């Protein structure tokens, strides 16, 4: 049997020399799995746990920073709008009958404050 396996095969008829011959599953020798000790398993578990906690901390920091940035942006936007409103030159309409005489274009520009 061993003698037959060592004989080199010739070029296949199809010409596909890169294809290897398939072997049956029962012919393959399966190696025994490597056994890890309990201490090693616990060490790996602890490493994974520490890595996860570190990742969680990083995510929390990032989320906190994004939240702070968003709040700052909202505050700035609000402040800018208030300043813009303060800076506007307004002309209050004391005679409300004028509104009825206004054209559509003028009415669009009127804002109630």
N, C-alpha and C. Protein backbone atom coordinates (compact mmCIF):
# COMPACT_ATOMS: atom_id res chain seq x y z
N UNK A 1 0.81 -1.20 0.00
CA UNK A 1 0.00 0.00 0.00
C UNK A 1 0.86 1.26 0.00
N UNK A 2 1.83 1.31 0.93
CA UNK A 2 2.67 2.51 1.03
C UNK A 2 3.49 2.71 -0.24
N UNK A 3 3.85 1.61 -0.85
CA UNK A 3 4.65 1.68 -2.06
C UNK A 3 3.88 2.34 -3.19
N UNK A 4 2.59 2.08 -3.28
CA UNK A 4 1.75 2.67 -4.32
C UNK A 4 1.57 4.17 -4.12
N UNK A 5 1.51 4.60 -2.87
CA UNK A 5 1.29 6.02 -2.58
C UNK A 5 2.50 6.87 -2.95
N UNK A 6 3.68 6.31 -2.89
CA UNK A 6 4.90 7.08 -3.15
C UNK A 6 5.21 7.24 -4.63
N UNK A 7 4.55 6.50 -5.49
CA UNK A 7 4.80 6.59 -6.93
C UNK A 7 4.24 7.91 -7.44
N UNK A 8 5.06 8.73 -8.10
CA UNK A 8 4.54 10.02 -8.59
C UNK A 8 3.57 9.80 -9.74
N UNK A 9 2.54 10.63 -9.76
CA UNK A 9 1.54 10.55 -10.82
C UNK A 9 2.04 11.32 -12.03
N UNK A 10 1.62 10.90 -13.20
CA UNK A 10 1.98 11.60 -14.43
C UNK A 10 1.06 12.78 -14.67
N UNK A 11 1.21 13.40 -15.82
CA UNK A 11 0.37 14.54 -16.18
C UNK A 11 -1.05 14.04 -16.45
N UNK A 12 -2.08 14.71 -15.83
CA UNK A 12 -3.45 14.25 -16.06
C UNK A 12 -3.90 14.50 -17.50
N UNK A 13 -4.86 13.70 -17.93
CA UNK A 13 -5.33 13.75 -19.31
C UNK A 13 -5.95 15.12 -19.64
N UNK A 14 -6.61 15.71 -18.66
CA UNK A 14 -7.25 17.01 -18.88
C UNK A 14 -6.24 18.13 -19.07
N UNK A 15 -5.01 17.91 -18.63
CA UNK A 15 -3.98 18.94 -18.76
C UNK A 15 -3.96 19.91 -17.59
N UNK A 16 -4.84 19.70 -16.65
CA UNK A 16 -4.90 20.61 -15.49
C UNK A 16 -3.97 20.07 -14.40
N UNK A 17 -2.73 20.45 -14.50
CA UNK A 17 -1.71 19.90 -13.60
C UNK A 17 -1.82 20.49 -12.20
N UNK A 18 -2.48 21.65 -12.08
CA UNK A 18 -2.56 22.31 -10.77
C UNK A 18 -3.60 21.66 -9.86
N UNK A 19 -4.48 20.84 -10.44
CA UNK A 19 -5.51 20.20 -9.63
C UNK A 19 -4.95 18.96 -8.96
N UNK A 20 -5.16 18.87 -7.65
CA UNK A 20 -4.67 17.69 -6.93
C UNK A 20 -5.77 16.63 -6.88
N UNK A 21 -5.35 15.41 -6.68
CA UNK A 21 -6.29 14.31 -6.63
C UNK A 21 -7.00 14.32 -5.29
N UNK A 22 -8.31 14.11 -5.31
CA UNK A 22 -9.08 14.14 -4.08
C UNK A 22 -8.86 12.84 -3.31
N UNK A 23 -8.84 12.98 -1.99
CA UNK A 23 -8.73 11.78 -1.14
C UNK A 23 -10.00 11.65 -0.31
N UNK A 24 -10.30 10.43 0.06
CA UNK A 24 -11.51 10.18 0.83
C UNK A 24 -11.33 10.66 2.27
N UNK A 25 -12.44 11.01 2.89
CA UNK A 25 -12.39 11.52 4.26
C UNK A 25 -11.86 10.46 5.22
N UNK A 26 -12.24 9.19 4.96
CA UNK A 26 -11.81 8.11 5.85
C UNK A 26 -10.30 7.86 5.76
N UNK A 27 -9.68 8.28 4.67
CA UNK A 27 -8.24 8.09 4.51
C UNK A 27 -7.44 9.12 5.30
N UNK A 28 -8.06 10.27 5.54
CA UNK A 28 -7.36 11.33 6.24
C UNK A 28 -7.23 10.99 7.72
N UNK A 29 -6.07 11.28 8.27
CA UNK A 29 -5.85 11.05 9.70
C UNK A 29 -6.14 12.35 10.43
N UNK A 30 -7.09 12.30 11.33
CA UNK A 30 -7.44 13.50 12.09
C UNK A 30 -6.59 13.58 13.34
N UNK A 31 -6.00 14.74 13.59
CA UNK A 31 -5.18 14.95 14.78
C UNK A 31 -6.07 15.21 15.98
N UNK A 32 -5.57 14.86 17.12
CA UNK A 32 -6.31 15.13 18.35
C UNK A 32 -6.21 16.63 18.63
N UNK A 33 -7.28 17.20 19.14
CA UNK A 33 -7.27 18.63 19.44
C UNK A 33 -6.35 18.91 20.61
N UNK A 34 -5.74 20.09 20.57
CA UNK A 34 -4.84 20.47 21.65
C UNK A 34 -5.67 20.85 22.87
N UNK A 35 -5.30 20.31 24.00
CA UNK A 35 -6.05 20.58 25.22
C UNK A 35 -5.38 21.72 25.96
N UNK A 36 -6.21 22.69 26.39
CA UNK A 36 -5.67 23.81 27.16
C UNK A 36 -6.01 23.61 28.62
N UNK A 37 -5.12 24.07 29.46
CA UNK A 37 -5.34 23.90 30.90
C UNK A 37 -6.38 24.90 31.39
N UNK A 38 -6.90 24.61 32.59
CA UNK A 38 -7.93 25.48 33.18
C UNK A 38 -7.38 26.87 33.44
N UNK A 39 -6.15 26.94 33.91
CA UNK A 39 -5.52 28.24 34.20
C UNK A 39 -5.39 29.07 32.92
N UNK A 40 -5.00 28.42 31.85
CA UNK A 40 -4.84 29.10 30.56
C UNK A 40 -6.19 29.63 30.07
N UNK A 41 -7.22 28.79 30.23
CA UNK A 41 -8.57 29.21 29.82
C UNK A 41 -9.02 30.43 30.61
N UNK A 42 -8.79 30.41 31.91
CA UNK A 42 -9.19 31.52 32.77
C UNK A 42 -8.41 32.79 32.42
N UNK A 43 -7.14 32.62 32.08
CA UNK A 43 -6.29 33.75 31.69
C UNK A 43 -6.83 34.39 30.40
N UNK A 44 -7.17 33.56 29.41
CA UNK A 44 -7.73 34.06 28.15
C UNK A 44 -9.06 34.76 28.39
N UNK A 45 -9.88 34.19 29.29
CA UNK A 45 -11.17 34.77 29.61
C UNK A 45 -10.99 36.15 30.25
N UNK A 46 -10.02 36.26 31.15
CA UNK A 46 -9.75 37.54 31.82
C UNK A 46 -9.25 38.58 30.82
N UNK A 47 -8.40 38.15 29.89
CA UNK A 47 -7.89 39.06 28.85
C UNK A 47 -9.04 39.59 27.99
N UNK A 48 -9.91 38.67 27.57
CA UNK A 48 -11.07 39.08 26.76
C UNK A 48 -11.94 40.08 27.51
N UNK A 49 -12.15 39.80 28.80
CA UNK A 49 -12.99 40.68 29.62
C UNK A 49 -12.37 42.07 29.73
N UNK A 50 -11.06 42.12 29.94
CA UNK A 50 -10.39 43.42 30.07
C UNK A 50 -10.43 44.19 28.75
N UNK A 51 -10.28 43.48 27.65
CA UNK A 51 -10.34 44.12 26.33
C UNK A 51 -11.73 44.68 26.09
N UNK A 52 -12.76 43.91 26.44
CA UNK A 52 -14.15 44.37 26.25
C UNK A 52 -14.44 45.60 27.09
N UNK A 53 -13.96 45.58 28.34
CA UNK A 53 -14.21 46.74 29.21
C UNK A 53 -13.49 47.97 28.67
N UNK A 54 -12.29 47.79 28.12
CA UNK A 54 -11.54 48.91 27.54
C UNK A 54 -12.28 49.47 26.32
N UNK A 55 -12.79 48.57 25.47
CA UNK A 55 -13.56 48.99 24.29
C UNK A 55 -14.81 49.76 24.72
N UNK A 56 -15.47 49.25 25.75
CA UNK A 56 -16.68 49.90 26.26
C UNK A 56 -16.37 51.30 26.76
N UNK A 57 -15.26 51.43 27.47
CA UNK A 57 -14.83 52.73 28.00
C UNK A 57 -14.55 53.70 26.85
N UNK A 58 -13.86 53.23 25.82
CA UNK A 58 -13.56 54.07 24.66
C UNK A 58 -14.84 54.54 23.98
N UNK A 59 -15.80 53.63 23.81
CA UNK A 59 -17.08 53.98 23.19
C UNK A 59 -17.82 55.03 24.02
N UNK A 60 -17.83 54.84 25.34
CA UNK A 60 -18.51 55.78 26.22
C UNK A 60 -17.88 57.17 26.12
N UNK A 61 -16.54 57.21 26.11
CA UNK A 61 -15.83 58.49 25.97
C UNK A 61 -16.20 59.18 24.67
N UNK A 62 -16.20 58.41 23.60
CA UNK A 62 -16.52 58.97 22.27
C UNK A 62 -17.95 59.50 22.26
N UNK A 63 -18.90 58.72 22.80
CA UNK A 63 -20.30 59.15 22.83
C UNK A 63 -20.45 60.42 23.66
N UNK A 64 -19.74 60.49 24.79
CA UNK A 64 -19.80 61.66 25.66
C UNK A 64 -19.28 62.90 24.92
N UNK A 65 -18.15 62.73 24.23
CA UNK A 65 -17.57 63.84 23.47
C UNK A 65 -18.53 64.32 22.38
N UNK A 66 -19.14 63.37 21.65
CA UNK A 66 -20.09 63.73 20.59
C UNK A 66 -21.29 64.47 21.16
N UNK A 67 -21.77 64.01 22.33
CA UNK A 67 -22.92 64.64 22.98
C UNK A 67 -22.57 66.08 23.39
N UNK A 68 -21.38 66.25 23.97
CA UNK A 68 -20.93 67.59 24.36
C UNK A 68 -20.83 68.51 23.15
N UNK A 69 -20.27 67.97 22.07
CA UNK A 69 -20.13 68.76 20.84
C UNK A 69 -21.49 69.18 20.31
N UNK A 70 -22.44 68.25 20.33
CA UNK A 70 -23.79 68.53 19.84
C UNK A 70 -24.46 69.61 20.68
N UNK A 71 -24.30 69.52 22.01
CA UNK A 71 -24.87 70.53 22.90
C UNK A 71 -24.27 71.90 22.64
N UNK A 72 -22.94 71.94 22.47
CA UNK A 72 -22.27 73.21 22.18
C UNK A 72 -22.78 73.82 20.90
N UNK A 73 -22.94 72.98 19.87
CA UNK A 73 -23.44 73.46 18.58
C UNK A 73 -24.85 74.03 18.73
N UNK A 74 -25.70 73.32 19.49
CA UNK A 74 -27.07 73.81 19.69
C UNK A 74 -27.07 75.15 20.42
N UNK A 75 -26.23 75.26 21.46
CA UNK A 75 -26.14 76.51 22.21
C UNK A 75 -25.67 77.66 21.33
N UNK A 76 -24.65 77.39 20.52
CA UNK A 76 -24.13 78.41 19.61
C UNK A 76 -25.19 78.86 18.61
N UNK A 77 -25.94 77.89 18.09
CA UNK A 77 -26.99 78.18 17.12
C UNK A 77 -28.06 79.06 17.77
N UNK A 78 -28.44 78.69 18.99
CA UNK A 78 -29.45 79.43 19.73
C UNK A 78 -28.98 80.86 19.99
N UNK A 79 -27.74 80.99 20.46
CA UNK A 79 -27.17 82.30 20.76
C UNK A 79 -27.09 83.17 19.51
N UNK A 80 -26.68 82.55 18.39
CA UNK A 80 -26.57 83.27 17.12
C UNK A 80 -27.93 83.80 16.68
N UNK A 81 -28.95 82.95 16.83
CA UNK A 81 -30.31 83.35 16.47
C UNK A 81 -30.81 84.51 17.34
N UNK A 82 -30.55 84.42 18.64
CA UNK A 82 -30.94 85.49 19.56
C UNK A 82 -30.25 86.80 19.20
N UNK A 83 -28.95 86.72 18.92
CA UNK A 83 -28.18 87.92 18.54
C UNK A 83 -28.70 88.52 17.24
N UNK A 84 -29.06 87.63 16.31
CA UNK A 84 -29.60 88.08 15.02
C UNK A 84 -30.92 88.82 15.24
N UNK A 85 -31.76 88.27 16.12
CA UNK A 85 -33.04 88.90 16.43
C UNK A 85 -32.85 90.26 17.09
N UNK A 86 -31.86 90.34 18.01
CA UNK A 86 -31.59 91.61 18.70
C UNK A 86 -31.11 92.67 17.71
N UNK A 87 -30.34 92.24 16.75
CA UNK A 87 -29.70 93.15 15.79
C UNK A 87 -30.66 93.67 14.73
N UNK A 88 -31.80 93.01 14.55
CA UNK A 88 -32.74 93.39 13.50
C UNK A 88 -33.35 94.77 13.74
N UNK A 89 -33.59 95.44 12.63
CA UNK A 89 -34.30 96.71 12.70
C UNK A 89 -35.75 96.41 12.38
N UNK A 90 -36.62 96.67 13.36
CA UNK A 90 -38.05 96.35 13.17
C UNK A 90 -38.88 97.62 13.14
N UNK A 91 -40.00 97.52 12.48
CA UNK A 91 -40.93 98.64 12.38
C UNK A 91 -42.30 98.11 12.80
N UNK A 92 -42.67 98.38 14.04
CA UNK A 92 -43.96 97.85 14.50
C UNK A 92 -45.14 98.51 13.81
N UNK A 93 -46.15 97.70 13.50
CA UNK A 93 -47.36 98.22 12.85
C UNK A 93 -48.35 98.57 13.96
N UNK A 94 -48.56 99.87 14.13
CA UNK A 94 -49.47 100.32 15.19
C UNK A 94 -50.91 100.34 14.70
N UNK A 95 -51.05 100.67 13.43
CA UNK A 95 -52.38 100.71 12.83
C UNK A 95 -52.64 99.35 12.16
N UNK A 96 -53.46 98.53 12.76
CA UNK A 96 -53.72 97.18 12.23
C UNK A 96 -54.54 97.19 10.95
N UNK A 97 -55.18 98.30 10.65
CA UNK A 97 -55.96 98.39 9.42
C UNK A 97 -55.05 98.37 8.19
N UNK A 98 -53.78 98.73 8.38
CA UNK A 98 -52.80 98.70 7.27
C UNK A 98 -52.62 97.29 6.73
N UNK A 99 -52.70 96.30 7.59
CA UNK A 99 -52.49 94.90 7.20
C UNK A 99 -53.51 94.50 6.14
N UNK A 100 -54.74 94.98 6.27
CA UNK A 100 -55.79 94.64 5.31
C UNK A 100 -55.52 95.27 3.96
N UNK A 101 -54.85 96.40 3.94
CA UNK A 101 -54.56 97.08 2.67
C UNK A 101 -53.31 96.53 1.97
N UNK A 102 -52.53 95.74 2.68
CA UNK A 102 -51.26 95.25 2.13
C UNK A 102 -51.47 94.23 1.03
N UNK A 103 -50.47 94.18 0.15
CA UNK A 103 -50.47 93.17 -0.91
C UNK A 103 -49.86 91.88 -0.36
N UNK A 104 -50.03 90.80 -1.13
CA UNK A 104 -49.53 89.49 -0.68
C UNK A 104 -48.04 89.50 -0.40
N UNK A 105 -47.28 90.14 -1.29
CA UNK A 105 -45.83 90.18 -1.17
C UNK A 105 -45.41 90.86 0.13
N UNK A 106 -46.12 91.93 0.48
CA UNK A 106 -45.81 92.65 1.72
C UNK A 106 -46.21 91.82 2.94
N UNK A 107 -47.31 91.11 2.82
CA UNK A 107 -47.80 90.28 3.93
C UNK A 107 -46.81 89.14 4.27
N UNK A 108 -46.14 88.65 3.25
CA UNK A 108 -45.15 87.57 3.45
C UNK A 108 -43.99 88.05 4.32
N UNK A 109 -43.66 89.33 4.18
CA UNK A 109 -42.53 89.88 4.93
C UNK A 109 -42.90 90.22 6.38
N UNK A 110 -44.17 90.34 6.67
CA UNK A 110 -44.62 90.68 8.01
C UNK A 110 -44.45 89.44 8.90
N UNK A 111 -43.82 89.68 10.07
CA UNK A 111 -43.63 88.59 11.01
C UNK A 111 -44.21 89.00 12.37
N UNK A 112 -44.86 88.07 12.99
CA UNK A 112 -45.45 88.32 14.30
C UNK A 112 -44.44 87.93 15.37
N UNK A 113 -44.17 88.88 16.28
CA UNK A 113 -43.20 88.60 17.36
C UNK A 113 -43.82 88.86 18.70
